[in-house]
Amino acid sequence: MEKRSILHMFDPMPHNSPFDINMAMDAGFDVMMPYSNVKLESVHGLVQDAIFSRGPSGVKRTGIFIGGRNLGLAVDMMDAAKKAMVPPFEVSVFADPSGAFTTAAALVACVEKQLKEKHGKELKDCHAVVIGGTGAVGIATGIIASLAGADIMLTDHLSVDTALDVAREYNNRFGCSLKGTYASSEADKARLVANADIVFCTAKAGIQALSAEILSEARRLKVAGDVNAVPPLGIEGIKRSDMGAPLIHAVNSKGAVGIGALAVGNVKYQLQNILLKLILETDKPWYLDFRDAFTKARSYRLHPSRALLLDKEDPG
């Protein structure tokens, strides 16, 4: 009799995300075991408890999911989990703190596709501003886009020091080239948007970060993407389901298009489902973070029906 599949869900926060538990259930795991308030130093022992109790056949039906809100801590926890493995007792690990890795990967992949289709440009050709750039999704978006070649400016709505500290930390961690600044006023935002090819809006849900007036200052904007699905939406004039719809308020940026939160969210949902199914169905252990999420998001945007097949053939 085949052993039941188990996903151990490590989270340094007081509560595990119901979203992630729902996603794991829908991906086909039989059992989800949430662990809250998990400290980095506890990961080694938890992993070894998980792998040695099931035998070589059981570890193939076992996975580890790492959540939380801190991107750096999630990656450190994944590294600690990897070091705790003792082949052949080795399981797959998937880090996606606050859903930031899959959300950001989906956002950047959608923007990249519209950039190519509507403007014949690559990310490496573009200067991008991340509004709300010091939150989890904003940081992940900046890292992914920067490593893909874009010139990235992260913004914080209160403090330039916060933005600079975040940029410095993640540049050191991942070898990207993030810059930081503040956007505490409408004038600040207008100044930043004026010279941006891309705007990624990852600000807090329920806050309109960019008004029509600000967008009217844009002179070279090509694509704007918004991940806020809670009214008021993050960018005025972008509807939730827009995928490359004309951005009517960017009157001085010919051909500018918008991408809405539900369009991004659909790709994010499919992406997280694909990655969870991958660790459920594979015979070999994989360690999945934002880099793998972006590789899979690009595959999904190009070949939705073949995305899972591509994942199984190539871990990215």
Protein backbone atom coordinates (compact mmCIF):
# COMPACT_ATOMS: atom_id res chain seq x y z
CA MET A 1 0.00 0.00 0.00
CA GLU A 2 1.39 3.40 -1.01
CA LYS A 3 2.13 5.71 1.89
CA ARG A 4 0.09 8.88 2.26
CA SER A 5 1.68 12.12 1.07
CA ILE A 6 2.65 14.61 3.76
CA LEU A 7 3.64 18.27 3.46
CA HIS A 8 5.36 19.68 6.54
CA MET A 9 4.75 23.47 6.58
CA PHE A 10 7.34 25.48 8.54
CA ASP A 11 6.45 29.07 9.40
CA PRO A 12 8.33 31.46 11.72
CA MET A 13 5.12 33.49 12.20
CA PRO A 14 2.44 32.77 14.86
CA HIS A 15 0.08 31.33 12.24
CA ASN A 16 0.50 29.36 9.03
CA SER A 17 -1.18 30.79 5.96
CA PRO A 18 -4.63 29.33 5.20
CA PHE A 19 -3.94 30.21 1.56
CA ASP A 20 -0.91 27.90 1.46
CA ILE A 21 -2.77 25.10 3.25
CA ASN A 22 -5.62 25.35 0.73
CA MET A 23 -3.13 25.31 -2.14
CA ALA A 24 -1.40 22.20 -0.78
CA MET A 25 -4.71 20.40 -0.43
CA ASP A 26 -5.72 21.33 -3.98
CA ALA A 27 -2.35 20.15 -5.29
CA GLY A 28 -3.10 16.66 -3.98
CA PHE A 29 -1.27 16.28 -0.66
CA ASP A 30 -3.10 13.94 1.68
CA VAL A 31 -1.87 15.52 4.92
CA MET A 32 -0.69 19.07 5.71
CA MET A 33 1.17 19.50 9.01
CA PRO A 34 1.53 23.19 9.95
CA TYR A 35 4.27 24.30 12.37
CA SER A 36 4.17 27.89 13.66
CA ASN A 37 6.83 29.99 15.43
CA VAL A 38 9.57 27.86 13.87
CA LYS A 39 13.04 29.22 14.54
CA LEU A 40 15.95 28.84 12.13
CA GLU A 41 17.89 26.72 14.62
CA SER A 42 14.95 24.28 14.87
CA VAL A 43 14.83 23.45 11.17
CA HIS A 44 17.62 20.85 11.22
CA GLY A 45 15.94 18.72 13.87
CA LEU A 46 12.47 19.01 12.36
CA VAL A 47 13.75 17.93 8.95
CA GLN A 48 15.57 14.91 10.30
CA ASP A 49 12.50 13.86 12.28
CA ALA A 50 10.54 14.04 9.04
CA ILE A 51 12.93 12.12 6.81
CA PHE A 52 14.04 9.25 9.06
CA SER A 53 10.54 8.16 10.05
CA ARG A 54 9.27 7.08 6.62
CA GLY A 55 11.92 4.98 4.89
CA PRO A 56 13.25 5.47 1.33
CA SER A 57 9.80 5.01 -0.25
CA GLY A 58 8.15 7.34 2.22
CA VAL A 59 10.48 10.27 1.63
CA LYS A 60 9.30 10.35 -1.97
CA ARG A 61 5.84 11.12 -0.58
CA THR A 62 7.11 13.82 1.79
CA GLY A 63 7.78 17.51 1.22
CA ILE A 64 8.60 20.65 3.17
CA PHE A 65 7.06 24.07 2.57
CA ILE A 66 8.61 27.21 4.10
CA GLY A 67 6.43 30.27 4.64
CA GLY A 68 6.66 33.36 6.82
CA ARG A 69 7.13 36.97 5.77
CA ASN A 70 10.91 37.45 5.70
CA LEU A 71 12.47 36.48 2.38
CA GLY A 72 16.01 36.18 3.68
CA LEU A 73 14.93 34.03 6.61
CA ALA A 74 12.95 31.74 4.28
CA VAL A 75 16.01 31.18 2.10
CA ASP A 76 18.14 30.57 5.21
CA MET A 77 15.60 28.02 6.45
CA MET A 78 15.67 26.27 3.09
CA ASP A 79 19.47 26.12 3.23
CA ALA A 80 19.27 24.69 6.75
CA ALA A 81 16.78 22.08 5.56
CA LYS A 82 19.05 21.07 2.71
CA LYS A 83 22.01 20.63 5.06
CA ALA A 84 19.89 18.38 7.29
CA MET A 85 19.24 15.84 4.52
CA VAL A 86 21.03 12.47 4.62
CA PRO A 87 20.72 10.78 1.19
CA PRO A 88 18.81 8.66 0.33
CA PHE A 89 16.67 10.23 3.05
CA GLU A 90 16.12 13.49 1.21
CA VAL A 91 12.90 15.38 0.42
CA SER A 92 11.96 18.39 -1.68
CA VAL A 93 11.75 21.85 -0.11
CA PHE A 94 9.71 24.77 -1.49
CA ALA A 95 10.12 28.28 -0.03
CA ASP A 96 7.41 30.85 -0.75
CA PRO A 97 7.17 33.34 2.14
CA SER A 98 3.89 35.27 2.06
CA GLY A 99 3.43 33.84 -1.43
CA ALA A 100 5.94 36.50 -2.43
CA PHE A 101 8.12 34.32 -4.63
CA THR A 102 5.26 32.97 -6.75
CA THR A 103 3.40 36.31 -6.85
CA ALA A 104 6.51 38.23 -7.88
CA ALA A 105 7.50 35.60 -10.43
CA ALA A 106 4.02 35.77 -11.97
CA LEU A 107 4.06 39.58 -12.02
CA VAL A 108 7.47 39.86 -13.66
CA ALA A 109 6.69 37.11 -16.19
CA CYS A 110 3.41 38.81 -17.18
CA VAL A 111 5.13 42.19 -17.55
CA GLU A 112 7.96 40.63 -19.53
CA LYS A 113 5.52 39.00 -21.95
CA GLN A 114 3.60 42.25 -22.56
CA LEU A 115 6.84 44.15 -22.90
CA LYS A 116 7.95 41.83 -25.70
CA GLU A 117 4.59 41.59 -27.44
CA LYS A 118 3.58 45.27 -27.32
CA HIS A 119 6.95 47.02 -27.44
CA GLY A 120 9.56 44.53 -28.67
CA LYS A 121 11.64 45.14 -25.54
CA GLU A 122 13.41 42.97 -22.99
CA LEU A 123 13.69 43.54 -19.27
CA LYS A 124 17.37 44.36 -19.73
CA ASP A 125 16.37 47.33 -21.88
CA CYS A 126 14.25 48.90 -19.15
CA HIS A 127 14.28 51.03 -16.02
CA ALA A 128 11.63 49.87 -13.55
CA VAL A 129 10.19 51.34 -10.37
CA VAL A 130 8.73 49.09 -7.67
CA ILE A 131 6.08 50.98 -5.71
CA GLY A 132 5.84 49.39 -2.28
CA GLY A 133 9.26 47.94 -2.91
CA THR A 134 10.24 47.17 0.68
CA GLY A 135 7.42 44.69 1.34
CA ALA A 136 7.87 40.98 0.67
CA VAL A 137 6.34 40.95 -2.82
CA GLY A 138 8.08 44.19 -3.76
CA ILE A 139 11.50 42.91 -2.71
CA ALA A 140 11.00 39.60 -4.54
CA THR A 141 9.81 41.46 -7.64
CA GLY A 142 12.87 43.68 -7.57
CA ILE A 143 15.26 40.75 -7.12
CA ILE A 144 13.74 38.71 -9.95
CA ALA A 145 13.58 41.63 -12.39
CA SER A 146 17.08 42.80 -11.51
CA LEU A 147 18.58 39.34 -12.03
CA ALA A 148 16.76 39.28 -15.39
CA GLY A 149 18.62 42.46 -16.36
CA ALA A 150 16.27 45.33 -15.51
CA ASP A 151 17.47 48.49 -13.78
CA ILE A 152 15.41 48.47 -10.57
CA MET A 153 14.47 51.19 -8.11
CA LEU A 154 12.76 50.02 -4.91
CA THR A 155 10.63 52.62 -3.14
CA ASP A 156 9.57 52.92 0.47
CA HIS A 157 6.69 55.24 1.33
CA LEU A 158 8.33 56.61 4.48
CA SER A 159 12.10 56.24 4.57
CA VAL A 160 14.93 56.37 2.06
CA ASP A 161 17.13 54.61 4.63
CA THR A 162 14.77 51.63 4.73
CA ALA A 163 14.83 51.35 0.94
CA LEU A 164 18.62 51.64 0.82
CA ASP A 165 19.06 49.05 3.59
CA VAL A 166 16.77 46.57 1.81
CA ALA A 167 18.55 47.10 -1.50
CA ARG A 168 21.94 46.60 0.14
CA GLU A 169 20.88 43.45 1.99
CA TYR A 170 19.47 41.66 -1.02
CA ASN A 171 22.20 42.82 -3.40
CA ASN A 172 24.67 41.17 -1.02
CA ARG A 173 22.56 38.03 -0.74
CA PHE A 174 21.76 37.39 -4.38
CA GLY A 175 24.14 39.46 -6.49
CA CYS A 176 21.44 41.72 -7.90
CA SER A 177 21.72 45.49 -8.43
CA LEU A 178 18.81 47.05 -6.60
CA LYS A 179 18.66 50.76 -5.84
CA GLY A 180 16.47 52.39 -3.19
CA THR A 181 14.59 55.65 -2.70
CA TYR A 182 11.46 57.02 -1.04
CA ALA A 183 8.07 57.97 -2.45
CA SER A 184 6.24 59.70 0.36
CA SER A 185 4.31 62.23 -1.73
CA GLU A 186 2.46 62.48 -5.02
CA ALA A 187 5.32 64.63 -6.34
CA ASP A 188 7.85 61.91 -5.43
CA LYS A 189 5.83 59.27 -7.26
CA ALA A 190 5.36 61.49 -10.31
CA ARG A 191 9.12 62.10 -10.45
CA LEU A 192 9.85 58.37 -10.35
CA VAL A 193 7.14 57.35 -12.83
CA ALA A 194 8.15 60.07 -15.30
CA ASN A 195 11.28 58.18 -16.35
CA ALA A 196 10.16 54.59 -15.83
CA ASP A 197 9.68 52.04 -18.61
CA ILE A 198 7.98 49.66 -16.17
CA VAL A 199 6.01 50.23 -12.98
CA PHE A 200 5.48 47.31 -10.61
CA CYS A 201 2.85 48.23 -8.02
CA THR A 202 3.19 45.98 -4.96
CA ALA A 203 1.87 48.43 -2.37
CA LYS A 204 -0.38 47.44 0.53
CA ALA A 205 -3.81 46.09 -0.42
CA GLY A 206 -6.65 48.58 -0.48
CA ILE A 207 -4.50 51.63 -1.19
CA GLN A 208 -4.40 53.51 -4.48
CA ALA A 209 -0.68 54.12 -4.90
CA LEU A 210 -0.75 55.71 -8.37
CA SER A 211 -3.47 58.11 -9.45
CA ALA A 212 -4.41 59.17 -12.96
CA GLU A 213 -2.64 62.46 -12.32
CA ILE A 214 0.63 60.70 -11.53
CA LEU A 215 0.33 58.43 -14.58
CA SER A 216 -0.17 61.47 -16.79
CA GLU A 217 3.41 62.47 -15.90
CA ALA A 218 4.85 59.27 -17.37
CA ARG A 219 6.82 59.95 -20.55
CA ARG A 220 8.19 56.53 -21.50
CA LEU A 221 6.01 54.04 -19.64
CA LYS A 222 5.47 50.76 -21.48
CA VAL A 223 3.94 48.34 -18.96
CA ALA A 224 2.45 48.77 -15.49
CA GLY A 225 1.47 45.80 -13.34
CA ASP A 226 -0.61 45.89 -10.15
CA VAL A 227 -1.03 43.08 -7.60
CA ASN A 228 -3.67 44.83 -5.45
CA ALA A 229 -7.11 43.26 -5.92
CA VAL A 230 -8.74 45.05 -2.95
CA PRO A 231 -10.57 48.34 -3.74
CA PRO A 232 -9.33 50.91 -4.33
CA LEU A 233 -6.93 49.18 -6.70
CA GLY A 234 -3.27 50.14 -6.69
CA ILE A 235 -3.10 51.86 -10.08
CA GLU A 236 -6.00 53.98 -11.26
CA GLY A 237 -7.32 52.86 -14.64
CA ILE A 238 -6.13 49.24 -14.46
CA LYS A 239 -8.92 46.71 -14.04
CA ARG A 240 -8.36 43.51 -12.11
CA SER A 241 -8.59 41.26 -15.18
CA ASP A 242 -6.54 43.46 -17.55
CA MET A 243 -3.74 41.70 -19.40
CA GLY A 244 -2.15 44.21 -21.74
CA ALA A 245 -5.11 46.60 -21.89
CA PRO A 246 -4.30 50.22 -22.92
CA LEU A 247 -3.36 52.35 -19.95
CA ILE A 248 -5.58 55.30 -20.72
CA HIS A 249 -4.25 57.67 -18.05
CA ALA A 250 -0.65 57.40 -19.31
CA VAL A 251 -1.46 59.89 -22.04
CA ASN A 252 2.16 60.86 -22.68
CA SER A 253 3.39 57.26 -23.02
CA LYS A 254 2.32 55.91 -26.40
CA GLY A 255 1.22 52.28 -26.26
CA ALA A 256 1.46 51.91 -22.48
CA VAL A 257 -0.48 48.87 -21.21
CA GLY A 258 -1.64 47.62 -17.84
CA ILE A 259 -1.81 44.24 -16.08
CA GLY A 260 -4.35 43.74 -13.30
CA ALA A 261 -4.23 41.81 -10.05
CA LEU A 262 -6.50 38.95 -11.10
CA ALA A 263 -4.51 38.39 -14.30
CA VAL A 264 -1.33 38.16 -12.21
CA GLY A 265 -3.13 36.14 -9.56
CA ASN A 266 -4.27 33.52 -12.05
CA VAL A 267 -0.67 32.89 -13.11
CA LYS A 268 0.46 32.92 -9.45
CA TYR A 269 -2.19 30.33 -8.55
CA GLN A 270 -1.26 28.05 -11.43
CA LEU A 271 2.44 28.49 -10.65
CA GLN A 272 2.13 27.57 -6.98
CA ASN A 273 -0.04 24.60 -7.93
CA ILE A 274 2.55 23.42 -10.46
CA LEU A 275 5.41 23.67 -7.95
CA LEU A 276 3.47 21.88 -5.20
CA LYS A 277 2.53 19.09 -7.60
CA LEU A 278 6.14 18.91 -8.70
CA ILE A 279 7.44 18.12 -5.23
CA LEU A 280 4.53 15.71 -4.71
CA GLU A 281 5.12 13.72 -7.90
CA THR A 282 8.89 13.81 -8.44
CA ASP A 283 11.26 10.98 -7.51
CA LYS A 284 14.17 13.36 -6.95
CA PRO A 285 14.48 16.08 -4.31
CA TRP A 286 14.33 19.69 -5.47
CA TYR A 287 14.95 22.93 -3.60
CA LEU A 288 12.64 25.59 -5.02
CA ASP A 289 12.74 29.34 -4.43
CA PHE A 290 12.12 32.55 -6.43
CA ARG A 291 14.57 31.53 -9.17
CA ASP A 292 12.68 28.34 -9.92
CA ALA A 293 9.35 30.14 -9.60
CA PHE A 294 10.38 32.65 -12.28
CA THR A 295 11.66 29.93 -14.61
CA LYS A 296 8.33 28.11 -14.28
CA ALA A 297 6.33 31.33 -14.62
CA ARG A 298 8.07 32.06 -17.91
CA SER A 299 7.31 28.53 -19.10
CA TYR A 300 3.68 28.86 -18.06
CA ARG A 301 3.26 32.19 -19.85
CA LEU A 302 4.65 30.64 -23.06
CA HIS A 303 3.14 27.12 -22.87
CA PRO A 304 0.36 26.87 -20.23
CA SER A 305 -0.65 23.36 -21.24
CA ARG A 306 2.94 22.06 -21.13
CA ALA A 307 4.14 23.82 -17.98
CA LEU A 308 3.96 20.82 -15.65
CA LEU A 309 5.65 18.59 -18.24
CA LEU A 310 8.43 21.13 -18.61
CA ASP A 311 8.87 21.21 -14.84
CA LYS A 312 9.27 17.45 -14.60
CA GLU A 313 11.84 17.37 -17.39
CA ASP A 314 13.92 20.32 -16.18
CA PRO A 315 14.12 21.64 -12.60
CA GLY A 316 15.18 25.01 -13.98
